[in-house]
């Protein structure tokens, strides 16, 4: 649907609302009519954000409009849920047995439940789980986790083994990011917690060192949503900057956005959606010249980029060797292949790291201090990270990355030849995003057909509409099949484009794209998750 058509559709809905009994005053009718006109012309006159703001204001102005919107969102979310999930068959909404169930029976139930999940070892999934080449490595990682599964890193005096392993994991990560003297850090439960800690630290730095009470962060819109979450949690305003045409950070625009409240600038190495590196050197230079902190989000690439450099691939500067980089996050449980729940956040010096900690001495339960967000810190992921990194060693990681890049090069070349598709930019590592080069090809419909053809679980980007692929070891065994099915899927959608736009991912993403107000989309997603975590909306009405 063209932008002008979307605007007209929204305008017609608002005009219908204005003519209903809900619009009880002349001023409301005039407001709706004015907004309808602006919506109809707005896509030619101004950015989508302006249109969204007008929609929000008019929904607030018209009596009953927000309630009607919420009811519609419940219907849409329930429909999306029914498309994605089968009915839950557990007895009752709680499933809490009166008597204990034998472990053998429960293990059988667990395996039956797991059978409905994606199997990442088959190479049909492009996110969430990072499966190594060797089954032995995965098994060993889990065994190491199990040894310390009931240990808690909250108190290092009670579990000195975990303290030793965490310090050594941080040391290995320091080596991977330039081996710069003074760099230190802590482990966290994942990339989101690492990013939360970096933003929290920046807030403390802004308050204590810069004298800023309303801190702001300058950040590209391609950065991970964890930064938005961190800003929301910690009261740090995120100033989002649109990227350049090549999807990398626009340093000039970021620089222009700096003001007296700015304390932090962010760059990704690389950004997850497209695998494009931000110009870390340029961002860091600006941050350093202005006395600001600069965080590099390498959660995605931190265990790939160091080894790309070692095998002779060109990698733009990105780590602590870059003057001005003050903190960096990297996930061991991604391309480090440890068990889930292991990440590191690193700082240029200990003075900065101290601002991450929280301590309180007035609690009757004793002296309390924690280095990160969590209280209880699971020992299993720390042990798995330590054991896995030592199991691979430098040469093991170099060999893994080399093999992954061979498959990436193959897929990049072959997919580029498929008529109707193109790859966004030139990704720096083993990932890519694919968009349509033909207006008749709905890329989300292609994803749906891929699911039908071979059970491929394609990931979807929104702006621009594209498919994301994280290339993992299992994909090396199915690369020819992937190209063959992707070629066929494009041919199928191109032959009958209308057929594949009415349901599934194409329909849902099309609906979301037609809404001019991002806050309404956020409401939809919140409503969808509210329904997802009900026992089952087929027999429990959503509220």
Protein backbone atom coordinates (compact mmCIF):
# COMPACT_ATOMS: atom_id res chain seq x y z
CA UNK A 1 0.00 0.00 0.00
CA UNK A 2 1.39 3.39 -0.97
CA UNK A 3 2.01 5.97 1.73
CA UNK A 4 -0.73 8.24 0.42
CA UNK A 5 -3.16 5.30 0.40
CA UNK A 6 -2.30 4.51 4.01
CA UNK A 7 -2.89 8.11 4.98
CA UNK A 8 -6.22 8.13 3.18
CA UNK A 9 -7.28 4.94 4.97
CA UNK A 10 -6.45 6.40 8.37
CA UNK A 11 -8.17 9.66 7.42
CA UNK A 12 -11.34 7.80 6.44
CA UNK A 13 -11.32 5.94 9.77
CA UNK A 14 -11.00 9.17 11.68
CA UNK A 15 -13.73 10.82 9.65
CA UNK A 16 -16.02 7.86 10.37
CA UNK A 17 -15.21 8.26 14.03
CA UNK A 18 -16.03 11.94 13.85
CA UNK A 19 -19.47 11.23 12.38
CA UNK A 20 -20.30 8.71 15.12
CA UNK A 21 -21.98 9.39 18.42
CA UNK A 22 -18.57 9.38 20.08
CA UNK A 23 -17.70 12.75 18.56
CA UNK A 24 -20.12 14.84 20.57
CA UNK A 25 -18.86 18.36 20.08
CA UNK A 26 -18.27 20.59 17.07
CA UNK A 27 -14.67 21.17 18.13
CA UNK A 28 -13.99 17.44 18.03
CA UNK A 29 -15.43 17.12 14.55
CA UNK A 30 -13.37 20.07 13.34
CA UNK A 31 -10.25 18.57 14.92
CA UNK A 32 -10.83 15.21 13.28
CA UNK A 33 -11.57 16.78 9.93
CA UNK A 34 -8.43 18.88 10.09
CA UNK A 35 -6.31 15.87 11.02
CA UNK A 36 -7.85 13.81 8.23
CA UNK A 37 -6.83 16.45 5.71
CA UNK A 38 -3.29 16.64 7.08
CA UNK A 39 -3.01 12.87 7.06
CA UNK A 40 -4.16 12.76 3.46
CA UNK A 41 -1.54 15.30 2.40
CA UNK A 42 1.02 14.77 5.15
CA UNK A 43 3.07 12.06 3.56
CA UNK A 44 3.90 14.51 0.79
CA UNK A 45 4.44 17.42 3.17
CA UNK A 46 6.34 16.04 6.17
CA UNK A 47 7.88 13.09 7.96
CA UNK A 48 5.96 10.16 9.30
CA UNK A 49 6.78 11.19 12.87
CA UNK A 50 4.77 14.40 12.47
CA UNK A 51 1.79 12.44 11.20
CA UNK A 52 2.08 10.06 14.12
CA UNK A 53 2.05 12.91 16.60
CA UNK A 54 -1.11 14.31 15.03
CA UNK A 55 -2.82 10.90 15.20
CA UNK A 56 -1.92 10.60 18.88
CA UNK A 57 -3.28 14.04 19.71
CA UNK A 58 -6.54 13.47 17.87
CA UNK A 59 -7.09 10.08 19.50
CA UNK A 60 -6.73 11.80 22.85
CA UNK A 61 -9.12 14.59 21.83
CA UNK A 62 -12.01 12.48 20.54
CA UNK A 63 -14.13 10.92 23.35
CA UNK A 64 -14.11 7.13 23.15
CA UNK A 65 -11.48 6.98 20.42
CA UNK A 66 -8.77 5.48 22.61
CA UNK A 67 -11.14 2.84 23.96
CA UNK A 68 -12.17 1.90 20.44
CA UNK A 69 -8.52 1.69 19.44
CA UNK A 70 -7.70 -0.56 22.40
CA UNK A 71 -10.58 -2.89 21.51
CA UNK A 72 -9.35 -3.12 17.93
CA UNK A 73 -5.81 -3.84 19.10
CA UNK A 74 -7.08 -6.70 21.28
CA UNK A 75 -8.78 -8.23 18.22
CA UNK A 76 -5.67 -7.83 16.04
CA UNK A 77 -3.38 -9.20 18.74
CA UNK A 78 -5.66 -12.20 19.34
CA UNK A 79 -5.69 -12.91 15.59
CA UNK A 80 -1.90 -12.72 15.46
CA UNK A 81 -1.68 -15.05 18.46
CA UNK A 82 -3.99 -17.61 16.84
CA UNK A 83 -1.83 -17.52 13.70
CA UNK A 84 1.35 -18.16 15.70
CA UNK A 85 0.38 -20.62 18.45
CA UNK A 86 -1.59 -23.79 18.88
CA UNK A 87 -4.07 -24.13 21.74
CA UNK A 88 -2.56 -25.06 25.08
CA UNK A 89 -3.83 -28.47 26.16
CA UNK A 90 -2.62 -28.45 29.78
CA UNK A 91 -5.41 -29.26 32.27
CA UNK A 92 -6.61 -25.99 33.76
CA UNK A 93 -5.01 -22.56 33.69
CA UNK A 94 -2.38 -23.31 36.38
CA UNK A 95 -1.33 -26.92 35.67
CA UNK A 96 -0.24 -27.33 39.32
CA UNK A 97 -0.59 -31.00 40.32
CA UNK A 98 -1.78 -31.92 43.80
CA UNK A 99 0.68 -34.80 43.97
CA UNK A 100 4.23 -34.85 42.70
CA UNK A 101 4.88 -36.38 39.28
CA UNK A 102 7.69 -38.95 38.85
CA UNK A 103 10.87 -37.54 37.31
CA UNK A 104 10.88 -40.11 34.49
CA UNK A 105 7.41 -39.05 33.40
CA UNK A 106 8.33 -35.37 33.57
CA UNK A 107 11.47 -35.92 31.52
CA UNK A 108 9.33 -37.54 28.84
CA UNK A 109 7.02 -34.52 28.94
CA UNK A 110 9.98 -32.15 28.68
CA UNK A 111 11.29 -33.92 25.60
CA UNK A 112 7.83 -33.88 24.06
CA UNK A 113 7.55 -30.14 24.68
CA UNK A 114 11.00 -29.51 23.23
CA UNK A 115 10.02 -31.34 20.06
CA UNK A 116 7.75 -28.41 19.15
CA UNK A 117 10.63 -25.91 19.33
CA UNK A 118 12.95 -25.01 16.50
CA UNK A 119 15.99 -27.24 16.18
CA UNK A 120 18.93 -24.89 15.55
CA UNK A 121 21.22 -27.79 14.59
CA UNK A 122 19.28 -28.21 11.32
CA UNK A 123 20.38 -24.78 10.06
CA UNK A 124 16.86 -23.46 9.48
CA UNK A 125 17.02 -20.74 12.16
CA UNK A 126 18.91 -17.43 11.93
CA UNK A 127 18.82 -16.04 15.47
CA UNK A 128 18.50 -16.79 19.19
CA UNK A 129 20.68 -19.90 19.45
CA UNK A 130 24.35 -20.10 18.46
CA UNK A 131 25.16 -23.74 17.76
CA UNK A 132 28.85 -24.62 17.29
CA UNK A 133 30.32 -26.85 14.60
CA UNK A 134 31.14 -29.75 16.92
CA UNK A 135 28.50 -31.48 19.01
CA UNK A 136 31.27 -32.23 21.50
CA UNK A 137 31.85 -28.50 22.09
CA UNK A 138 28.16 -27.90 22.76
CA UNK A 139 27.96 -30.88 25.08
CA UNK A 140 31.05 -29.76 26.99
CA UNK A 141 29.66 -26.23 27.40
CA UNK A 142 26.48 -27.64 28.95
CA UNK A 143 28.46 -29.98 31.21
CA UNK A 144 30.55 -27.10 32.51
CA UNK A 145 27.37 -25.15 33.18
CA UNK A 146 25.84 -28.08 35.07
CA UNK A 147 28.82 -28.39 37.44
CA UNK A 148 28.13 -24.89 38.79
CA UNK A 149 24.38 -24.76 38.17
CA UNK A 150 23.57 -24.34 41.87
CA UNK A 151 26.29 -21.77 42.62
CA UNK A 152 25.71 -18.04 43.15
CA UNK A 153 28.31 -15.42 42.17
CA UNK A 154 26.61 -12.81 44.39
CA UNK A 155 29.13 -13.52 47.16
CA UNK A 156 32.68 -14.06 45.83
CA UNK A 157 33.92 -15.11 49.29
CA UNK A 158 31.49 -18.03 49.32
CA UNK A 159 32.29 -19.04 45.74
CA UNK A 160 35.90 -18.03 45.04
CA UNK A 161 35.91 -20.39 42.06
CA UNK A 162 33.38 -18.20 40.26
CA UNK A 163 35.35 -15.06 41.10
CA UNK A 164 38.46 -16.62 39.55
CA UNK A 165 36.60 -17.68 36.41
CA UNK A 166 34.88 -14.31 35.97
CA UNK A 167 38.15 -12.41 36.33
CA UNK A 168 39.79 -14.68 33.78
CA UNK A 169 36.91 -14.42 31.29
CA UNK A 170 37.13 -10.62 31.53
CA UNK A 171 40.90 -10.90 31.02
CA UNK A 172 40.46 -12.95 27.84
CA UNK A 173 37.87 -10.45 26.57
CA UNK A 174 40.29 -7.61 27.33
CA UNK A 175 42.91 -9.40 25.22
CA UNK A 176 40.41 -9.79 22.37
CA UNK A 177 39.55 -6.06 22.41
CA UNK A 178 43.06 -4.68 22.06
CA UNK A 179 44.78 -5.82 25.28
CA UNK A 180 44.88 -2.22 26.47
CA UNK A 181 46.32 -1.76 29.96
CA UNK A 182 43.74 -0.76 32.57
CA UNK A 183 40.70 -2.18 30.79
CA UNK A 184 38.47 -4.05 33.24
CA UNK A 185 34.89 -5.24 33.52
CA UNK A 186 32.36 -7.70 34.84
CA UNK A 187 30.28 -10.53 33.47
CA UNK A 188 26.51 -10.14 33.04
CA UNK A 189 23.58 -12.35 32.10
CA UNK A 190 23.50 -11.16 28.48
CA UNK A 191 23.87 -8.28 26.08
CA UNK A 192 20.86 -6.41 27.41
CA UNK A 193 22.24 -6.38 30.95
CA UNK A 194 25.67 -5.32 29.65
CA UNK A 195 24.07 -2.39 27.82
CA UNK A 196 21.93 -1.52 30.83
CA UNK A 197 25.07 -1.36 32.95
CA UNK A 198 26.91 0.84 30.45
CA UNK A 199 24.02 3.32 30.37
CA UNK A 200 23.65 3.25 34.16
CA UNK A 201 27.37 3.94 34.48
CA UNK A 202 27.07 6.85 32.04
CA UNK A 203 24.22 8.27 34.12
CA UNK A 204 26.34 8.14 37.28
CA UNK A 205 29.26 9.72 35.42
CA UNK A 206 26.98 12.48 34.15
CA UNK A 207 25.76 13.24 37.66
CA UNK A 208 29.00 12.88 39.59
CA UNK A 209 31.60 14.14 37.12
CA UNK A 210 29.77 16.30 34.58
CA UNK A 211 27.14 17.82 36.88
CA UNK A 212 24.29 16.79 34.55
CA UNK A 213 20.92 16.05 36.17
CA UNK A 214 19.01 15.19 32.96
CA UNK A 215 21.49 13.08 30.99
CA UNK A 216 21.12 12.34 27.29
CA UNK A 217 22.65 9.75 24.96
CA UNK A 218 23.24 10.27 21.22
CA UNK A 219 22.54 7.01 19.42
CA UNK A 220 21.82 5.69 15.88
CA UNK A 221 18.35 4.18 15.37
CA UNK A 222 20.06 0.98 14.21
CA UNK A 223 21.41 0.39 17.74
CA UNK A 224 19.91 -2.40 19.83
CA UNK A 225 16.56 -1.78 21.61
CA UNK A 226 18.31 -2.55 24.90
CA UNK A 227 19.50 1.07 24.85
CA UNK A 228 15.88 2.27 24.68
CA UNK A 229 15.07 -0.03 27.60
CA UNK A 230 18.07 1.30 29.54
CA UNK A 231 17.02 4.88 28.92
CA UNK A 232 13.51 4.08 30.08
CA UNK A 233 14.71 2.32 33.22
CA UNK A 234 17.39 4.81 34.24
CA UNK A 235 15.92 8.12 33.12
CA UNK A 236 18.47 8.75 30.38
CA UNK A 237 16.99 10.43 27.30
CA UNK A 238 17.86 8.60 24.10
CA UNK A 239 18.36 11.00 21.19
CA UNK A 240 17.87 8.77 18.15
CA UNK A 241 19.69 9.70 14.94
CA UNK A 242 18.74 8.32 11.51
CA UNK A 243 21.59 6.51 9.76
CA UNK A 244 23.19 7.40 6.45
CA UNK A 245 22.11 5.80 3.19
CA UNK A 246 24.57 2.94 3.75
CA UNK A 247 22.89 2.24 7.14
CA UNK A 248 25.93 3.28 9.16
CA UNK A 249 25.81 5.96 11.85
CA UNK A 250 25.61 9.56 10.64
CA UNK A 251 28.42 11.12 12.67
CA UNK A 252 27.69 14.66 11.47
CA UNK A 253 24.07 14.39 12.61
CA UNK A 254 25.14 12.83 15.90
CA UNK A 255 27.59 15.67 16.48
CA UNK A 256 24.94 18.28 15.72
CA UNK A 257 22.65 16.71 18.34
CA UNK A 258 25.13 17.18 21.21
CA UNK A 259 24.01 19.65 23.87
CA UNK A 260 24.76 20.51 27.48
CA UNK A 261 22.98 17.35 28.74
CA UNK A 262 24.80 14.89 26.50
CA UNK A 263 26.93 12.39 28.42
CA UNK A 264 27.20 9.37 26.11
CA UNK A 265 27.56 8.49 22.43
CA UNK A 266 26.99 4.97 21.05
CA UNK A 267 28.17 3.00 18.04
CA UNK A 268 27.62 -0.63 17.03
CA UNK A 269 30.26 -3.10 15.90
CA UNK A 270 28.35 -4.10 13.91
CA UNK A 271 24.64 -3.22 14.08
CA UNK A 272 22.51 -6.35 14.33
CA UNK A 273 19.84 -5.68 11.67
CA UNK A 274 22.19 -5.34 8.67
CA UNK A 275 25.65 -6.28 9.92
CA UNK A 276 26.95 -2.81 9.03
CA UNK A 277 29.76 -1.30 11.12
CA UNK A 278 29.31 2.17 12.53
CA UNK A 279 32.33 4.47 12.12
CA UNK A 280 33.59 3.87 15.66
CA UNK A 281 36.77 5.87 15.17
CA UNK A 282 34.85 8.97 14.09
CA UNK A 283 32.23 8.74 16.84
CA UNK A 284 34.91 8.18 19.49
CA UNK A 285 36.92 11.16 18.23
CA UNK A 286 33.89 13.42 18.61
CA UNK A 287 33.10 12.02 22.06
CA UNK A 288 36.68 12.45 23.22
CA UNK A 289 36.91 16.03 21.94
CA UNK A 290 33.71 16.94 23.82
CA UNK A 291 34.59 15.13 27.05
CA UNK A 292 31.84 12.52 26.59
CA UNK A 293 31.73 8.79 27.19
CA UNK A 294 31.57 6.50 24.17
CA UNK A 295 30.16 2.96 24.25
CA UNK A 296 30.75 0.33 21.57
CA UNK A 297 28.03 -2.30 21.39
CA UNK A 298 29.92 -5.37 20.21
CA UNK A 299 27.49 -7.86 21.72
CA UNK A 300 26.95 -9.25 18.23
CA UNK A 301 30.42 -8.97 16.76
CA UNK A 302 32.73 -9.08 19.76
CA UNK A 303 33.60 -12.76 19.28
CA UNK A 304 33.95 -12.47 15.49
CA UNK A 305 35.77 -9.21 14.72
CA UNK A 306 39.00 -10.04 16.62
CA UNK A 307 39.39 -13.28 14.71
CA UNK A 308 38.51 -11.70 11.36
CA UNK A 309 41.49 -9.43 11.90
CA UNK A 310 43.69 -12.40 12.82
CA UNK A 311 42.83 -14.28 9.60
CA UNK A 312 43.57 -11.24 7.45
CA UNK A 313 40.10 -9.84 6.81
CA UNK A 314 39.66 -6.08 6.72
CA UNK A 315 38.06 -4.81 9.93
CA UNK A 316 37.57 -1.10 10.69
CA UNK A 317 38.93 0.02 14.09
CA UNK A 318 36.37 -0.72 16.78
CA UNK A 319 37.86 -1.66 20.16
CA UNK A 320 39.81 -0.08 23.04
CA UNK A 321 42.72 0.68 20.72
CA UNK A 322 40.50 3.51 19.42
CA UNK A 323 41.09 6.69 21.41
CA UNK A 324 37.82 7.81 23.00
CA UNK A 325 36.19 4.39 23.45
CA UNK A 326 35.34 4.21 27.16
CA UNK A 327 33.17 1.08 27.40
CA UNK A 328 32.31 -1.98 25.31
CA UNK A 329 29.89 -4.91 25.52
CA UNK A 330 30.39 -8.38 24.02
CA UNK A 331 28.40 -11.62 24.38
CA UNK A 332 30.16 -14.89 25.09
CA UNK A 333 26.95 -16.82 24.47
CA UNK A 334 26.77 -15.71 20.84
CA UNK A 335 29.79 -16.50 18.70
CA UNK A 336 31.73 -17.46 21.83
CA UNK A 337 29.40 -20.51 21.89
CA UNK A 338 29.06 -20.73 25.68
CA UNK A 339 25.82 -21.63 27.41
CA UNK A 340 23.17 -18.91 27.44
CA UNK A 341 23.42 -16.20 30.04
CA UNK A 342 27.02 -14.98 29.55
CA UNK A 343 28.16 -11.54 28.44
CA UNK A 344 30.85 -9.03 29.40
CA UNK A 345 30.77 -5.27 29.84
CA UNK A 346 34.23 -3.70 29.77
CA UNK A 347 35.44 -0.26 30.81
CA UNK A 348 38.49 1.79 29.96
CA UNK A 349 39.44 2.06 33.65
CA UNK A 350 38.42 1.00 37.15
CA UNK A 351 37.14 4.44 38.13
CA UNK A 352 34.45 4.13 35.48
CA UNK A 353 33.63 0.55 36.38
CA UNK A 354 33.01 1.54 40.01
CA UNK A 355 30.02 3.61 38.83
CA UNK A 356 28.35 0.40 37.69
CA UNK A 357 28.23 -1.04 41.22
CA UNK A 358 25.51 -0.63 43.79
CA UNK A 359 26.23 -0.77 47.53
CA UNK A 360 24.06 -0.34 50.62
CA UNK A 361 25.24 -0.72 54.23
CA UNK A 362 22.01 0.18 56.07
CA UNK A 363 20.18 -3.09 55.44
CA UNK A 364 19.61 -5.18 58.62
CA UNK A 365 20.53 -8.27 56.63
CA UNK A 366 24.16 -7.20 56.40
CA UNK A 367 26.45 -5.33 54.02
CA UNK A 368 25.23 -5.61 50.44
CA UNK A 369 27.01 -4.78 47.19
CA UNK A 370 26.38 -6.07 43.68
CA UNK A 371 28.38 -5.38 40.54
CA UNK A 372 25.49 -5.53 38.08
CA UNK A 373 21.68 -5.58 37.80
CA UNK A 374 21.14 -9.03 39.23
CA UNK A 375 21.28 -10.08 42.84
CA UNK A 376 21.57 -13.82 42.42
CA UNK A 377 24.13 -14.34 39.65
CA UNK A 378 23.96 -17.85 38.20
CA UNK A 379 27.29 -19.63 38.39
CA UNK A 380 26.61 -22.01 35.50
CA UNK A 381 26.95 -19.47 32.65
CA UNK A 382 30.18 -18.07 34.16
CA UNK A 383 31.68 -21.55 34.32
CA UNK A 384 30.49 -22.36 30.82
CA UNK A 385 32.01 -19.15 29.42
CA UNK A 386 35.34 -19.80 31.14
CA UNK A 387 35.52 -23.44 30.06
CA UNK A 388 34.30 -22.85 26.51
CA UNK A 389 36.73 -20.01 25.77
CA UNK A 390 39.63 -22.09 27.05
CA UNK A 391 38.37 -25.14 25.15
CA UNK A 392 38.36 -23.27 21.83
CA UNK A 393 41.49 -21.22 22.34
CA UNK A 394 42.62 -18.62 19.84
CA UNK A 395 43.11 -21.09 17.01
CA UNK A 396 39.72 -22.71 17.55
CA UNK A 397 37.94 -19.38 17.24
CA UNK A 398 40.01 -18.37 14.22
CA UNK A 399 39.15 -21.63 12.45
CA UNK A 400 35.45 -21.25 13.29
CA UNK A 401 35.26 -17.68 12.00
CA UNK A 402 37.18 -18.61 8.85
CA UNK A 403 34.70 -21.38 8.02
CA UNK A 404 31.72 -19.13 8.76
CA UNK A 405 33.06 -16.44 6.42
CA UNK A 406 33.48 -18.97 3.61
CA UNK A 407 29.77 -19.76 3.84
CA UNK A 408 28.92 -16.06 4.17
CA UNK A 409 30.88 -15.28 1.01
CA UNK A 410 29.07 -18.05 -0.84
CA UNK A 411 25.63 -16.90 0.28
CA UNK A 412 26.41 -13.25 -0.44
CA UNK A 413 27.45 -14.11 -4.00
CA UNK A 414 24.59 -16.50 -4.77
CA UNK A 415 21.79 -14.44 -3.18
CA UNK A 416 23.02 -11.37 -5.04
CA UNK A 417 22.27 -13.26 -8.26
CA UNK A 418 18.62 -13.97 -7.39
CA UNK A 419 16.35 -11.80 -9.49
CA UNK A 420 14.18 -9.60 -7.30
CA UNK A 421 16.52 -9.57 -4.29
CA UNK A 422 19.48 -7.53 -3.15
CA UNK A 423 21.69 -7.48 -0.07
CA UNK A 424 21.80 -4.33 2.00
CA UNK A 425 25.32 -2.90 1.89
CA UNK A 426 28.40 -4.99 2.56
CA UNK A 427 28.21 -6.62 5.99
CA UNK A 428 31.49 -6.85 7.86
CA UNK A 429 30.96 -10.31 9.36
CA UNK A 430 28.93 -13.51 9.05
CA UNK A 431 25.49 -11.98 8.64
CA UNK A 432 23.43 -10.10 6.07
CA UNK A 433 20.06 -8.49 5.37
CA UNK A 434 18.10 -9.11 2.17
CA UNK A 435 15.56 -6.73 0.69
CA UNK A 436 13.45 -6.76 -2.44
CA UNK A 437 14.64 -5.19 -5.64
CA UNK A 438 11.22 -5.71 -7.24
CA UNK A 439 8.06 -3.84 -6.10
CA UNK A 440 6.04 -6.99 -6.81
CA UNK A 441 8.06 -9.01 -4.31
CA UNK A 442 6.89 -8.67 -0.71
CA UNK A 443 9.92 -9.73 1.29
CA UNK A 444 7.77 -10.83 4.25
CA UNK A 445 5.74 -13.04 1.93
CA UNK A 446 9.02 -14.57 0.79
CA UNK A 447 9.71 -15.42 4.44
CA UNK A 448 6.32 -17.11 4.76
CA UNK A 449 6.91 -19.17 1.63
CA UNK A 450 10.37 -20.15 2.90
CA UNK A 451 8.65 -21.56 5.98
CA UNK A 452 6.29 -23.57 3.77
CA UNK A 453 9.02 -24.82 1.44
CA UNK A 454 11.63 -26.00 3.89
CA UNK A 455 10.78 -24.95 7.42
CA UNK A 456 13.09 -21.93 7.30
CA UNK A 457 12.57 -19.49 10.18
CA UNK A 458 13.55 -16.19 8.58
CA UNK A 459 14.08 -13.11 10.79
CA UNK A 460 12.47 -9.83 9.71
CA UNK A 461 13.71 -6.24 9.77
CA UNK A 462 11.26 -3.36 9.44
CA UNK A 463 13.06 -0.30 8.10
CA UNK A 464 13.79 -1.01 5.40
CA UNK A 465 11.69 -4.15 5.08
CA UNK A 466 14.19 -6.97 4.81
CA UNK A 467 15.16 -10.42 6.02
CA UNK A 468 17.98 -10.80 8.53
CA UNK A 469 20.31 -13.81 8.49
CA UNK A 470 22.87 -14.56 11.17
CA UNK A 471 25.15 -17.17 9.60
CA UNK A 472 25.92 -19.99 12.02
CA UNK A 473 27.83 -23.29 11.79
CA UNK A 474 24.74 -25.39 10.91
CA UNK A 475 24.15 -23.17 7.85
CA UNK A 476 27.41 -24.36 6.32
CA UNK A 477 25.76 -27.74 5.69
CA UNK A 478 22.61 -26.33 4.04
CA UNK A 479 23.90 -23.35 2.07
CA UNK A 480 22.97 -24.77 -1.35
CA UNK A 481 19.49 -25.76 -0.11
CA UNK A 482 18.99 -22.27 1.32
CA UNK A 483 19.82 -20.58 -1.99
CA UNK A 484 17.63 -23.02 -3.91
CA UNK A 485 14.59 -22.48 -1.69
CA UNK A 486 15.09 -18.72 -1.55
CA UNK A 487 15.18 -18.59 -5.36
CA UNK A 488 12.00 -20.67 -5.57
CA UNK A 489 10.24 -18.60 -2.89
CA UNK A 490 10.87 -15.38 -4.81
CA UNK A 491 9.53 -16.99 -7.99
CA UNK A 492 6.36 -18.17 -6.19
CA UNK A 493 5.62 -14.76 -4.64
CA UNK A 494 6.38 -12.92 -7.88
CA UNK A 495 3.99 -15.16 -9.81
CA UNK A 496 1.03 -14.36 -7.51
CA UNK A 497 1.91 -11.37 -5.27
CA UNK A 498 -1.64 -10.75 -4.05
CA UNK A 499 -2.09 -14.27 -2.67
CA UNK A 500 0.70 -13.98 -0.13
CA UNK A 501 -0.11 -10.55 1.29
CA UNK A 502 -3.34 -11.49 3.08
CA UNK A 503 -2.11 -13.65 5.95
CA UNK A 504 0.92 -14.65 7.99
CA UNK A 505 3.94 -12.42 8.47
CA UNK A 506 3.22 -10.39 5.36
CA UNK A 507 -0.23 -9.44 6.64
CA UNK A 508 0.90 -8.61 10.18
CA UNK A 509 3.93 -6.58 9.12
CA UNK A 510 1.82 -4.88 6.47
CA UNK A 511 -0.71 -3.90 9.12
CA UNK A 512 2.03 -2.56 11.39
CA UNK A 513 3.64 -0.62 8.55
CA UNK A 514 0.33 1.05 7.72
CA UNK A 515 0.02 2.60 11.20
CA UNK A 516 1.57 6.08 11.17
CA UNK A 517 1.96 6.34 14.94
CA UNK A 518 4.73 4.23 16.50
CA UNK A 519 3.08 4.43 19.92
CA UNK A 520 0.05 2.56 18.54
CA UNK A 521 2.35 -0.16 17.22
CA UNK A 522 3.94 -0.34 20.67
CA UNK A 523 0.45 -0.78 22.17
CA UNK A 524 -0.23 -3.58 19.72
CA UNK A 525 2.98 -5.41 20.63
CA UNK A 526 2.27 -5.01 24.35
CA UNK A 527 -1.25 -6.35 23.86
CA UNK A 528 0.10 -9.26 21.83
CA UNK A 529 2.53 -10.25 24.58
CA UNK A 530 -0.17 -9.87 27.20
CA UNK A 531 -2.18 -12.47 25.32
CA UNK A 532 0.82 -14.71 24.62
CA UNK A 533 1.40 -15.16 28.33
CA UNK A 534 -2.19 -15.93 29.23
CA UNK A 535 -2.90 -19.64 29.78
CA UNK A 536 -4.77 -19.56 26.47
CA UNK A 537 -7.00 -16.78 25.08
CA UNK A 538 -9.18 -19.39 23.43
CA UNK A 539 -10.72 -20.08 26.81
CA UNK A 540 -9.48 -17.12 28.91
CA UNK A 541 -10.83 -13.83 27.61
CA UNK A 542 -8.12 -11.12 27.41
CA UNK A 543 -8.60 -8.11 29.67
